[in-house]
Protein backbone atom coordinates (compact mmCIF):
# COMPACT_ATOMS: atom_id res chain seq x y z
CA MET A 1 182.36 204.33 154.25
CA HIS A 2 180.19 201.31 155.41
CA HIS A 3 181.86 198.67 157.28
CA ARG A 4 181.66 195.62 155.12
CA LEU A 5 178.44 193.66 156.21
CA PRO A 6 177.91 189.26 155.67
CA SER A 7 175.63 189.15 152.32
CA ARG A 8 172.29 187.29 152.80
CA ARG A 9 173.36 185.19 149.44
CA THR A 10 176.42 183.67 150.64
CA VAL A 11 177.80 181.36 152.85
CA LEU A 12 179.01 183.14 156.07
CA THR A 13 182.13 182.73 157.69
CA THR A 14 182.45 184.08 161.15
CA ALA A 15 182.22 182.40 164.30
CA ALA A 16 178.51 183.66 164.53
CA ALA A 17 177.31 182.57 161.19
CA THR A 18 179.30 179.20 161.83
CA ALA A 19 177.19 178.79 164.83
CA VAL A 20 173.75 179.37 162.43
CA THR A 21 175.10 176.59 159.98
CA ALA A 22 175.80 174.22 163.33
CA VAL A 23 171.83 175.03 164.09
CA THR A 24 170.34 174.32 160.49
CA ALA A 25 172.81 171.52 159.83
CA GLY A 26 171.11 170.01 162.84
CA SER A 27 174.74 169.49 164.50
CA PHE A 28 172.96 170.25 167.98
CA ALA A 29 169.36 170.08 166.83
CA ALA A 30 169.47 165.93 166.89
CA GLY A 31 170.78 165.72 163.09
CA ILE A 32 167.48 167.68 161.61
CA PRO A 33 168.05 168.56 158.12
CA ALA A 34 168.99 171.87 157.25
CA ALA A 35 166.01 172.14 154.95
CA GLU A 36 163.67 171.37 158.09
CA ALA A 37 165.55 173.48 160.36
CA ALA A 38 164.55 176.57 158.37
CA ALA A 39 160.85 176.07 158.65
CA PRO A 40 159.00 175.86 162.07
CA ASP A 41 159.28 172.19 162.54
CA ARG A 42 158.75 171.38 165.90
CA ARG A 43 161.33 168.53 166.44
CA MET A 44 164.06 170.88 165.39
CA ILE A 45 163.01 173.34 167.99
CA ARG A 46 162.58 170.90 171.23
CA ALA A 47 166.04 169.30 170.00
CA ILE A 48 167.09 173.28 170.60
CA ILE A 49 165.37 173.55 173.75
CA ALA A 50 166.73 170.32 175.16
CA ARG A 51 170.35 171.84 174.88
CA MET A 52 169.46 175.08 176.61
CA SER A 53 170.29 175.67 180.02
CA ARG A 54 167.48 177.19 182.84
CA ALA A 55 168.68 180.25 182.62
CA GLU A 56 169.20 180.40 178.50
CA LYS A 57 165.14 179.31 178.53
CA VAL A 58 164.34 182.43 180.91
CA GLY A 59 166.47 184.47 178.81
CA GLN A 60 164.86 183.86 175.74
CA LEU A 61 161.62 185.50 177.08
CA PHE A 62 163.16 188.54 177.55
CA VAL A 63 162.85 191.52 175.19
CA MET A 64 164.80 194.30 176.16
CA ARG A 65 165.97 198.12 175.11
CA VAL A 66 169.82 198.74 174.85
CA TYR A 67 171.89 202.20 174.53
CA GLY A 68 173.48 202.97 171.94
CA HIS A 69 174.37 202.98 167.98
CA SER A 70 176.20 199.94 168.03
CA ALA A 71 176.36 196.63 169.58
CA THR A 72 180.11 196.55 171.02
CA ALA A 73 180.96 199.72 170.73
CA PRO A 74 178.33 202.63 171.92
CA ASP A 75 179.28 205.95 172.64
CA PRO A 76 179.84 206.73 176.21
CA ALA A 77 177.37 208.29 177.07
CA ASP A 78 175.33 205.53 175.92
CA ALA A 79 177.87 202.57 177.58
CA ALA A 80 177.29 204.53 181.01
CA SER A 81 173.60 204.44 180.50
CA ASN A 82 173.74 200.26 180.11
CA GLN A 83 175.94 200.53 183.18
CA SER A 84 173.66 202.28 185.14
CA GLU A 85 170.38 200.44 184.52
CA MET A 86 171.48 196.59 183.52
CA GLY A 87 175.47 196.44 184.57
CA VAL A 88 176.56 195.65 180.98
CA SER A 89 178.42 198.19 178.79
CA ASN A 90 176.72 197.26 175.37
CA ALA A 91 174.70 195.29 173.41
CA ALA A 92 176.55 192.24 173.42
CA GLU A 93 177.17 191.91 176.91
CA LEU A 94 173.60 192.49 177.81
CA ILE A 95 172.72 189.43 175.40
CA ALA A 96 175.66 187.17 176.73
CA LYS A 97 174.64 187.88 180.33
CA TYR A 98 170.93 187.57 180.37
CA HIS A 99 171.10 185.44 176.90
CA LEU A 100 168.22 187.48 175.55
CA GLY A 101 165.67 186.38 172.99
CA GLY A 102 165.04 189.78 171.77
CA ILE A 103 165.97 193.47 171.66
CA ILE A 104 163.65 196.40 170.91
CA TYR A 105 164.98 199.71 169.44
CA PHE A 106 164.41 203.18 170.51
CA ALA A 107 165.19 206.50 168.76
CA TRP A 108 166.04 207.78 172.57
CA ALA A 109 167.90 205.03 173.03
CA HIS A 110 170.17 205.99 170.13
CA ASN A 111 169.42 202.98 168.26
CA THR A 112 168.09 204.16 164.98
CA ARG A 113 170.35 206.82 163.79
CA ASP A 114 169.83 205.71 159.97
CA PRO A 115 169.70 202.94 158.05
CA HIS A 116 173.14 201.67 157.42
CA GLN A 117 173.74 201.91 161.03
CA ILE A 118 170.63 200.43 162.29
CA ALA A 119 171.64 197.04 159.58
CA GLY A 120 175.07 197.00 161.71
CA LEU A 121 173.58 197.24 165.03
CA SER A 122 171.13 194.76 164.08
CA ASN A 123 173.88 192.19 162.74
CA GLY A 124 176.04 192.87 166.10
CA ILE A 125 173.27 191.89 168.12
CA GLN A 126 172.71 188.84 165.92
CA ARG A 127 176.35 187.73 166.05
CA ALA A 128 176.26 188.16 170.02
CA GLY A 129 173.29 185.81 170.04
CA LEU A 130 174.73 183.44 167.97
CA THR A 131 178.05 183.30 169.81
CA HIS A 132 177.12 182.61 173.61
CA GLY A 133 175.95 179.48 175.10
CA THR A 134 173.33 177.44 172.68
CA PRO A 135 173.33 179.69 169.28
CA ILE A 136 169.74 181.38 169.09
CA PRO A 137 169.18 184.40 166.64
CA LEU A 138 167.25 187.45 168.24
CA LEU A 139 164.02 188.67 167.52
CA ILE A 140 164.62 192.55 166.76
CA SER A 141 161.60 194.95 167.24
CA THR A 142 160.64 198.41 167.39
CA ASP A 143 157.03 200.65 167.06
CA GLN A 144 156.73 201.59 163.30
CA GLU A 145 153.20 202.38 163.44
CA GLN A 146 153.69 205.22 161.46
CA GLY A 147 152.41 209.17 161.92
CA ALA A 148 152.42 209.63 165.60
CA VAL A 149 154.60 206.64 166.89
CA ALA A 150 157.49 206.37 164.57
CA ARG A 151 160.80 204.85 165.57
CA ILE A 152 162.70 205.03 162.54
CA GLY A 153 162.54 208.22 160.70
CA SER A 154 163.84 209.68 157.18
CA PRO A 155 165.76 208.12 154.85
CA ALA A 156 163.08 205.09 155.18
CA THR A 157 159.95 205.80 153.95
CA LEU A 158 157.14 207.54 156.13
CA PHE A 159 153.84 206.47 156.05
CA PRO A 160 150.68 208.27 157.96
CA GLY A 161 149.55 206.47 160.88
CA GLY A 162 146.47 204.39 161.37
CA MET A 163 143.37 206.83 161.52
CA ALA A 164 144.74 208.45 158.80
CA LEU A 165 144.62 204.89 156.87
CA GLY A 166 141.36 204.60 158.34
CA ALA A 167 140.03 207.90 156.41
CA ASP A 168 141.79 206.01 153.62
CA GLY A 169 139.64 203.11 154.30
CA ASP A 170 141.22 200.78 151.87
CA PRO A 171 142.54 197.39 152.97
CA HIS A 172 144.17 197.73 149.69
CA ASP A 173 146.07 200.91 150.57
CA ALA A 174 146.60 199.35 154.49
CA ARG A 175 148.43 196.47 153.14
CA ALA A 176 150.51 198.13 150.65
CA ALA A 177 151.74 200.52 153.12
CA ALA A 178 152.81 197.85 155.46
CA HIS A 179 154.21 195.83 153.05
CA VAL A 180 156.42 198.77 152.44
CA ILE A 181 157.13 199.45 156.09
CA GLY A 182 157.87 195.36 156.40
CA THR A 183 159.98 195.52 153.41
CA GLU A 184 162.59 198.61 155.19
CA LEU A 185 162.36 196.87 158.20
CA GLY A 186 163.51 193.68 157.33
CA ALA A 187 166.24 195.30 154.98
CA ILE A 188 168.02 197.14 158.36
CA GLY A 189 167.36 193.86 160.30
CA VAL A 190 164.60 194.59 162.33
CA ASN A 191 162.16 191.38 162.53
CA GLN A 192 158.99 192.20 164.45
CA ASN A 193 157.13 195.57 164.30
CA PHE A 194 154.84 196.26 167.03
CA SER A 195 152.02 197.03 164.57
CA PRO A 196 149.32 197.66 163.86
CA VAL A 197 147.09 199.16 166.61
CA SER A 198 144.18 197.30 166.60
CA ASP A 199 141.87 199.09 169.39
CA VAL A 200 138.41 200.51 168.38
CA ASN A 201 139.26 203.96 169.35
CA ILE A 202 134.92 205.14 170.33
CA ASN A 203 136.49 207.86 173.14
CA PRO A 204 137.55 211.06 171.86
CA ALA A 205 139.03 211.59 175.02
CA ASN A 206 141.46 208.68 174.58
CA PRO A 207 144.94 209.87 175.82
CA VAL A 208 147.16 207.29 174.40
CA ILE A 209 145.57 205.49 171.61
CA GLY A 210 143.55 208.17 169.59
CA VAL A 211 145.19 208.52 166.20
CA ARG A 212 147.27 205.15 166.39
CA SER A 213 143.71 203.65 165.90
CA PHE A 214 142.21 203.25 162.73
CA GLY A 215 138.96 204.45 163.68
CA ALA A 216 136.03 203.70 166.14
CA ASP A 217 134.10 201.21 163.75
CA PRO A 218 134.89 197.88 164.79
CA GLN A 219 134.32 195.86 161.34
CA ALA A 220 136.86 198.62 159.42
CA VAL A 221 139.27 198.38 162.29
CA ALA A 222 139.22 194.89 161.94
CA ALA A 223 139.57 195.09 158.29
CA LEU A 224 142.57 197.01 158.09
CA THR A 225 143.90 195.50 161.00
CA ALA A 226 143.88 191.94 158.92
CA ALA A 227 145.28 193.88 155.28
CA GLN A 228 148.48 195.28 157.77
CA VAL A 229 148.70 191.81 158.93
CA LYS A 230 149.17 190.61 156.00
CA GLY A 231 151.54 193.17 154.53
CA TYR A 232 153.63 193.07 157.17
CA GLN A 233 153.97 189.42 157.23
CA GLY A 234 153.95 189.08 153.52
CA ALA A 235 156.96 191.14 153.26
CA GLY A 236 158.66 188.67 155.93
CA ILE A 237 158.46 190.18 159.60
CA ALA A 238 156.34 189.56 161.99
CA SER A 239 153.36 191.74 163.14
CA THR A 240 151.88 192.23 166.31
CA ALA A 241 148.25 193.38 166.83
CA LYS A 242 148.05 195.63 169.92
CA HIS A 243 146.84 196.30 172.87
CA PHE A 244 144.47 193.15 173.78
CA PRO A 245 141.73 192.92 174.55
CA GLY A 246 140.98 196.59 173.34
CA HIS A 247 142.50 199.96 175.11
CA GLY A 248 139.91 202.34 172.64
CA ASP A 249 137.78 203.32 175.12
CA THR A 250 140.21 204.90 177.76
CA GLY A 251 140.05 208.26 179.16
CA THR A 252 143.43 207.44 181.23
CA ASP A 253 147.00 206.52 179.89
CA SER A 254 148.66 203.31 181.10
CA HIS A 255 152.03 204.38 180.91
CA PHE A 256 151.12 206.89 183.98
CA GLU A 257 147.74 204.81 185.69
CA LEU A 258 145.82 201.80 185.35
CA PRO A 259 142.73 202.36 183.01
CA VAL A 260 139.54 200.69 183.47
CA ILE A 261 137.54 199.85 180.50
CA THR A 262 133.58 199.57 181.41
CA HIS A 263 132.25 197.25 178.77
CA SER A 264 129.99 194.57 179.49
CA LEU A 265 131.09 190.96 178.11
CA GLU A 266 128.37 191.72 175.24
CA GLU A 267 130.34 195.21 174.42
CA TRP A 268 133.64 193.59 174.27
CA ARG A 269 132.76 191.15 171.87
CA ARG A 270 130.50 193.70 169.89
CA ILE A 271 133.46 196.44 169.85
CA ASP A 272 137.28 195.22 170.88
CA ALA A 273 136.95 191.52 169.80
CA PRO A 274 136.65 192.04 165.84
CA PRO A 275 140.06 193.55 164.95
CA PHE A 276 141.85 190.54 166.93
CA ARG A 277 139.56 188.24 165.31
CA ALA A 278 140.63 189.34 162.50
CA ALA A 279 144.30 189.33 163.30
CA ILE A 280 144.05 185.57 164.19
CA ALA A 281 142.28 184.48 161.24
CA ALA A 282 144.92 186.35 158.61
CA GLY A 283 147.79 184.68 160.59
CA ILE A 284 149.07 187.26 163.00
CA ASP A 285 152.66 186.06 164.66
CA SER A 286 152.18 188.16 167.82
CA ILE A 287 149.63 189.99 169.89
CA MET A 288 150.46 192.57 172.47
CA THR A 289 148.63 192.83 176.04
CA ALA A 290 146.97 196.09 177.41
CA HIS A 291 147.63 196.84 181.08
CA ILE A 292 143.83 197.70 181.61
CA LEU A 293 141.41 196.72 183.67
CA VAL A 294 138.14 194.93 182.16
CA PRO A 295 136.34 193.77 184.91
CA ALA A 296 133.33 192.01 182.94
CA LEU A 297 136.36 190.14 181.68
CA ASP A 298 138.28 189.43 185.12
CA ASP A 299 137.01 191.05 188.07
CA SER A 300 140.20 190.17 189.82
CA GLY A 301 141.69 193.62 189.53
CA ASP A 302 144.47 192.48 187.90
CA PRO A 303 145.38 194.00 184.66
CA ALA A 304 144.70 191.98 181.49
CA THR A 305 148.60 191.48 181.14
CA LEU A 306 148.61 189.91 184.55
CA SER A 307 145.34 187.95 183.90
CA ARG A 308 144.72 184.15 183.43
CA PRO A 309 140.86 184.61 182.71
CA ILE A 310 142.37 187.06 179.53
CA LEU A 311 145.50 185.89 178.21
CA THR A 312 144.62 182.15 178.54
CA GLY A 313 140.75 182.02 178.91
CA ILE A 314 139.76 184.29 176.09
CA LEU A 315 142.81 184.78 173.98
CA ARG A 316 143.82 181.39 173.50
CA GLU A 317 140.80 179.42 174.16
CA GLU A 318 137.90 181.52 173.60
CA LEU A 319 139.65 182.98 170.45
CA GLY A 320 141.73 180.05 169.84
CA TYR A 321 145.08 182.05 169.40
CA ASP A 322 148.04 179.74 169.87
CA GLY A 323 150.71 182.26 168.61
CA VAL A 324 153.37 184.45 170.70
CA VAL A 325 151.81 186.85 173.56
CA ILE A 326 153.72 189.79 173.90
CA THR A 327 153.19 192.08 177.00
CA ASP A 328 153.28 195.58 176.36
CA SER A 329 156.27 197.33 178.28
CA LEU A 330 156.88 196.06 182.15
CA GLY A 331 157.76 199.41 182.79
CA MET A 332 154.50 201.45 182.59
CA ALA A 333 152.39 202.30 185.80
CA GLY A 334 149.62 200.49 184.36
CA VAL A 335 151.05 197.03 185.52
CA ARG A 336 153.35 198.47 188.41
CA GLN A 337 150.68 199.63 191.01
CA LYS A 338 149.29 196.42 192.75
CA TYR A 339 152.59 194.13 192.29
CA GLY A 340 156.38 194.84 192.54
CA ASP A 341 158.67 194.60 189.95
CA ASP A 342 160.07 190.84 190.54
CA ARG A 343 156.13 189.71 190.68
CA VAL A 344 155.25 191.15 187.29
CA PRO A 345 156.94 189.09 185.15
CA VAL A 346 156.01 186.27 186.54
CA LEU A 347 152.59 186.74 186.89
CA ALA A 348 152.35 187.61 183.52
CA LEU A 349 153.85 184.01 182.65
CA LYS A 350 151.36 182.59 184.44
CA ALA A 351 148.33 184.19 182.75
CA GLY A 352 149.60 183.31 179.42
CA ALA A 353 152.46 185.93 178.15
CA ASP A 354 155.66 184.21 176.40
CA GLN A 355 157.41 187.31 176.05
CA LEU A 356 158.32 190.10 178.52
CA LEU A 357 158.90 193.31 177.50
CA ASN A 358 161.48 195.78 178.30
CA PRO A 359 161.39 195.53 182.13
CA PRO A 360 162.63 198.21 184.20
CA LEU A 361 164.99 196.24 186.26
CA LEU A 362 166.01 193.38 183.83
CA ASP A 363 168.45 191.76 186.89
CA VAL A 364 165.39 191.50 189.34
CA ALA A 365 162.61 190.37 186.46
CA TRP A 366 164.77 187.82 184.83
CA ASN A 367 165.95 186.49 188.65
CA ALA A 368 162.43 186.44 189.42
CA VAL A 369 161.27 184.31 186.82
CA LEU A 370 164.30 181.99 186.96
CA ASP A 371 163.56 181.63 190.72
CA ALA A 372 160.08 181.23 190.33
CA VAL A 373 161.33 178.46 187.74
CA LYS A 374 163.56 176.49 190.32
CA SER A 375 161.06 176.68 192.67
CA GLY A 376 158.38 174.89 191.13
CA GLU A 377 155.68 178.22 191.18
CA ILE A 378 156.01 177.91 187.18
CA SER A 379 156.93 174.82 185.88
CA GLU A 380 159.76 174.41 183.04
CA ARG A 381 157.39 172.49 180.95
CA ARG A 382 155.65 175.88 181.14
CA ILE A 383 158.51 178.06 179.96
CA ASP A 384 159.15 175.79 177.50
CA GLU A 385 155.86 175.98 175.61
CA SER A 386 156.58 179.77 175.40
CA LEU A 387 159.95 178.71 173.89
CA VAL A 388 158.09 176.30 171.04
CA ARG A 389 156.28 179.50 170.56
CA ILE A 390 159.00 181.96 170.41
CA LEU A 391 161.61 179.74 168.42
CA GLU A 392 158.98 178.97 165.70
CA LEU A 393 158.76 182.47 165.03
CA LYS A 394 162.14 182.85 164.77
CA ALA A 395 161.77 179.68 162.44
CA ARG A 396 159.37 181.07 160.33
CA ASN A 397 160.96 184.02 159.41
CA GLY A 398 163.93 182.66 158.31
CA LEU A 399 166.06 183.76 161.38
CA PHE A 400 167.96 180.50 161.58
CA ARG A 401 168.48 180.23 158.45
CA ASN A 402 170.55 183.63 158.01
CA PRO A 403 169.49 186.52 160.25
CA TYR A 404 172.11 189.10 158.83
CA VAL A 405 171.30 192.00 156.51
CA THR A 406 173.61 193.73 154.12
CA HIS A 407 174.13 197.57 153.06
CA GLN A 408 173.21 196.34 149.47
CA GLY A 409 169.93 195.44 150.63
CA VAL A 410 169.63 198.61 152.53
CA ASP A 411 170.30 200.63 149.47
CA ARG A 412 167.82 198.44 147.41
CA ALA A 413 164.86 199.07 149.82
CA VAL A 414 165.26 201.42 152.47
CA GLY A 415 163.85 204.97 150.85
CA ILE A 416 163.48 204.41 146.96
CA ARG A 417 161.66 205.97 144.86
CA SER A 418 158.81 203.38 144.33
CA HIS A 419 158.14 203.27 148.14
CA ARG A 420 158.00 207.19 148.33
CA ALA A 421 155.93 207.39 145.49
CA THR A 422 153.39 204.85 147.31
CA ALA A 423 153.61 206.98 150.59
CA ASP A 424 152.38 210.10 148.66
CA ARG A 425 149.97 208.22 146.37
CA ILE A 426 148.23 206.71 149.90
CA THR A 427 148.60 209.78 151.94
CA ASP A 428 147.04 211.61 149.46
CA ARG A 429 143.76 209.60 150.32
CA THR A 430 143.99 210.21 154.13
CA VAL A 431 143.20 214.01 153.79
CA THR A 432 139.96 214.73 154.80
CA LEU A 433 137.62 217.91 153.88
CA LEU A 434 134.96 218.73 156.67
CA THR A 435 133.57 222.15 156.04
CA ASN A 436 134.22 224.18 152.61
CA ARG A 437 132.23 227.39 153.33
CA ALA A 438 132.16 229.41 150.09
CA GLN A 439 133.88 226.91 148.42
CA ILE A 440 136.92 228.60 149.03
CA LEU A 441 139.44 225.70 148.40
CA PRO A 442 140.94 224.47 146.54
CA LEU A 443 143.01 227.28 145.95
CA PRO A 444 143.15 228.84 142.32
CA ARG A 445 145.86 227.61 140.43
CA ARG A 446 146.90 230.50 138.25
CA ALA A 447 146.45 232.82 141.15
CA HIS A 448 149.19 233.13 143.59
CA ARG A 449 147.76 233.71 146.78
CA ASN A 450 150.18 235.43 149.29
CA LEU A 451 149.30 232.78 152.54
CA LEU A 452 150.18 233.09 156.47
CA VAL A 453 150.41 229.62 158.34
CA VAL A 454 150.54 229.76 161.99
CA GLY A 455 149.86 227.25 164.70
CA ALA A 456 150.66 224.56 166.89
CA ASP A 457 154.55 222.81 166.11
CA PRO A 458 154.72 219.93 168.33
CA ALA A 459 157.65 217.74 168.37
CA ALA A 460 157.35 215.21 165.75
CA PRO A 461 158.79 211.70 166.12
CA SER A 462 162.73 211.51 165.37
CA GLY A 463 163.58 212.02 161.45
CA THR A 464 160.16 212.45 160.68
CA GLY A 465 160.17 215.95 160.37
CA GLY A 466 158.63 219.12 161.25
CA PRO A 467 158.35 221.57 162.45
CA PRO A 468 154.56 221.64 160.92
CA THR A 469 154.26 225.19 160.16
CA ALA A 470 157.49 225.37 158.38
CA VAL A 471 156.53 222.50 156.45
CA LEU A 472 152.92 223.52 155.31
CA ALA A 473 154.88 226.91 154.29
CA GLU A 474 157.69 225.37 152.43
CA ALA A 475 155.19 223.07 150.81
CA LEU A 476 152.11 226.09 150.07
CA THR A 477 155.51 228.02 148.37
CA GLY A 478 156.68 225.08 146.39
CA LEU A 479 153.13 224.93 144.50
CA GLY A 480 152.40 228.29 144.04
CA HIS A 481 151.42 229.86 147.05
CA PRO A 482 153.96 231.98 148.58
CA ALA A 483 153.37 231.31 152.71
CA GLN A 484 155.02 232.55 155.39
CA ALA A 485 155.39 230.87 158.37
CA LEU A 486 154.81 232.25 162.44
CA PRO A 487 154.31 229.07 164.67
CA THR A 488 152.23 230.11 167.53
CA GLY A 489 152.42 226.92 169.84
CA THR A 490 149.66 224.96 171.62
CA ALA A 491 149.11 227.61 173.93
CA PRO A 492 149.44 230.85 172.58
CA GLY A 493 149.20 233.84 174.75
CA GLN A 494 147.60 237.52 174.13
CA ALA A 495 151.20 238.54 172.62
CA LEU A 496 151.46 235.63 170.10
CA ILE A 497 147.94 236.08 169.21
CA ASP A 498 148.26 240.11 168.39
CA ARG A 499 151.32 239.10 166.51
CA ALA A 500 149.86 236.52 164.16
CA VAL A 501 146.86 238.95 163.40
CA ALA A 502 149.05 241.60 162.51
CA ALA A 503 150.88 239.46 160.54
CA ALA A 504 147.53 238.20 158.56
CA LEU A 505 146.71 241.55 157.33
CA GLY A 506 147.25 242.12 153.75
CA LYS A 507 147.36 238.20 153.43
CA ASP A 508 145.17 236.37 150.83
CA GLY A 509 144.70 233.79 153.56
CA VAL A 510 145.49 232.30 156.76
CA ILE A 511 146.24 228.37 157.18
CA VAL A 512 146.00 227.86 160.80
CA ALA A 513 147.57 224.19 162.26
CA THR A 514 145.52 223.27 165.65
CA TYR A 515 146.46 220.51 168.06
CA ASN A 516 143.65 218.64 170.16
CA VAL A 517 141.94 221.93 170.98
CA THR A 518 139.48 221.24 173.71
CA ALA A 519 138.36 223.71 176.37
CA ALA A 520 141.72 223.52 178.20
CA PHE A 521 143.27 224.55 174.87
CA SER A 522 141.65 228.07 175.26
CA GLY A 523 144.80 229.83 173.33
CA GLN A 524 144.55 227.83 170.36
CA ILE A 525 140.78 228.76 170.42
CA ALA A 526 141.04 232.50 171.23
CA LEU A 527 143.72 232.55 168.28
CA VAL A 528 141.30 231.27 165.32
CA LYS A 529 138.76 233.60 166.44
CA ALA A 530 141.16 236.48 166.48
CA LEU A 531 142.25 235.48 163.27
CA VAL A 532 138.78 235.08 161.94
CA ALA A 533 137.86 238.52 163.04
CA THR A 534 140.52 240.13 160.64
CA GLY A 535 138.19 238.99 157.56
CA VAL A 536 141.35 237.16 156.31
CA PRO A 537 139.62 233.74 155.02
CA VAL A 538 141.27 231.17 157.42
CA VAL A 539 141.52 227.64 156.69
CA GLN A 540 142.11 224.96 159.65
CA ILE A 541 144.13 221.86 159.67
CA ALA A 542 143.59 219.67 162.50
CA ILE A 543 146.86 217.77 162.74
CA ARG A 544 146.32 215.46 165.41
CA ASN A 545 142.71 213.96 166.67
CA PRO A 546 140.38 215.15 164.19
CA TYR A 547 137.86 216.72 166.55
CA ASP A 548 139.25 220.38 166.66
CA ILE A 549 136.85 221.65 164.01
CA ALA A 550 133.64 221.24 166.80
CA TRP A 551 135.72 224.29 169.14
CA LEU A 552 136.57 226.60 165.90
CA SER A 553 133.41 228.02 164.53
CA GLY A 554 133.56 230.76 161.78
CA VAL A 555 136.42 229.42 159.79
CA ALA A 556 136.04 228.97 156.25
CA ALA A 557 137.49 225.79 155.49
CA GLY A 558 138.36 222.66 157.94
CA LEU A 559 140.58 219.70 157.27
CA ALA A 560 141.76 216.53 158.95
CA VAL A 561 145.08 214.87 158.37
CA TYR A 562 145.71 212.81 161.80
CA GLY A 563 149.49 213.30 161.69
CA TRP A 564 152.17 216.36 161.76
CA THR A 565 154.95 214.18 160.30
CA ASP A 566 156.12 215.82 156.74
CA VAL A 567 154.47 213.15 154.66
CA SER A 568 150.73 214.33 155.71
CA LEU A 569 151.88 218.21 155.77
CA ARG A 570 153.02 217.69 152.43
CA ALA A 571 149.45 215.81 150.91
CA VAL A 572 147.09 218.64 152.65
CA ALA A 573 149.34 221.49 151.17
CA ARG A 574 148.49 219.54 147.87
CA VAL A 575 144.64 219.20 148.41
CA ILE A 576 144.51 223.28 149.44
CA ALA A 577 146.63 223.72 146.53
CA GLY A 578 144.59 221.98 144.32
CA ARG A 579 146.89 219.10 143.58
CA ALA A 580 145.54 216.35 144.85
CA ALA A 581 141.35 215.90 145.68
CA PRO A 582 140.15 215.50 149.47
CA VAL A 583 138.53 211.58 149.31
CA GLY A 584 139.38 210.92 152.99
CA ARG A 585 136.35 210.31 155.44
CA LEU A 586 136.11 210.54 158.74
CA PRO A 587 136.86 207.16 160.74
CA VAL A 588 135.47 208.30 163.92
CA ALA A 589 132.62 210.84 164.74
CA VAL A 590 133.46 214.72 165.86
CA PRO A 591 130.86 215.40 168.60
CA ARG A 592 129.92 218.84 169.26
CA ALA A 593 131.77 220.72 171.84
CA ASP A 594 128.83 222.03 173.55
CA ASP A 595 126.88 218.68 174.03
CA PRO A 596 129.68 216.01 173.49
CA LYS A 597 126.40 212.87 173.27
CA GLN A 598 125.48 214.93 170.18
CA VAL A 599 127.41 214.14 166.32
CA LEU A 600 128.55 217.27 164.48
CA TYR A 601 130.20 215.10 161.78
CA PRO A 602 129.64 211.14 161.86
CA ILE A 603 132.02 208.53 160.71
CA GLY A 604 132.04 208.48 156.78
CA HIS A 605 131.76 212.41 156.69
CA GLY A 606 133.79 213.79 154.19
CA LEU A 607 133.03 216.78 151.41
CA ARG A 608 134.76 217.00 148.07
CA PHE A 609 135.33 219.78 145.40
CA ARG A 610 132.83 221.02 143.30
């Protein structure tokens, strides 16, 4: 049974609601009328700031993780994690102690069990923000990119990720997907999504962006970025373009190292800048920084997150952006290598950032910023500039009117039939047919083919389905082609390969799900080679990066789906069974395995059924 939540359409009667009413009625906003307080009116914002203590101002700059499914009564293990890392037991205590401006949700922090639980957590967080000190609602954020990065799973509607949408290539579909995602996030109280990924992924070896990007064509990525910005913000939540100034040409992961982008200034303007320019033109609410070195933009050795020439000189002055700038997580190694955790948040603010995301030690970071303000290293006027942007964003999204959500709103929006139908329709358009020897696909509808599904079973984001081989087998069976699943992993040894070969004998076809095949993953190459040698037709599906086909000669057909969550796997099953046509086109080039400088399949390649 759900606990009753306040209605967005009625007058609130709780103490927290009274605080909201005080804000919008102008009791501490210098008499600003409620109608004006609902809009991003700078007179109202500055009146709020005038009432804030220095500690409250600093707290508004931070967006922090917290463990637990409830704002006040998390499970004991989550309360212990909060105590260990932050010195408090729950979200409400965290907000009261540090006057936080935002909370970020993670599945691993047990914030996202189900939509109704998330709605209750969101309301509890807002109630805490409106009952301690100056009453200000919070920005509640998450990384709901879809595909490889999705913090909220079923029954929320799930879509494929960025590169799949790039294969579709239709800005209308990208906007429709973002509108559905934004509508459902808003219904559960999440009002800021760290999406879309606006990096132009021109490096096939990129270990951290890859399929999260829309592709390798700067103009195509720009068009899809702008479309998603409009979709999210049209649904009433803040969108965040990331990772400025562009993380698409790295061979290292900024979670663990400090990547270096070697683009010249002209290359940066031609390759990396267009999506961010498009996002700004579309009215983007927030832009996230990257922990990367770009010597052509700043030769100081500081990562972009801490670079004034990049955040202020280029983003604000050259590109003309005056919205919220949020750092990527301050717990990532890429931003921590040169400076200590006490200096990183201070330097980020001095560079031009507004929101400081998820520092590893909040007490250290918060006190470091407070001390910098007290000492005059950072002026209070500079802090107020960020506060204006942050509070304007909150006002623009209606949080000062009413930040609460309802169970009825959850039921009306999350995972509803029309949203799922939209997801399936769009996902069908992302499946890309790379090769189809002897026109083996689609499988004949009337001939029930007896199939074996083998291959990689990587863990999907929480609540998004899997394992892939089982999902594929079930989907194909439901479409009239009985299929047996045999997971073989990303690095099968000889025993598993022999088992797969034995299982393939007597089958009408084998479906192999491959995952990021390279020379280092020779087991997957050996598996496909052994299956091809049986004479049974082999259909290969790249379930993450689309480059796998270059290593896998001899397959009867090869497809790319750019993701391994259920929505993508069911779509490729429909294509294999002839219930949907493959209309996706490669948004990146696939290089030859033996000579990566040569292109095997160019951007735009994609076969059709005859």
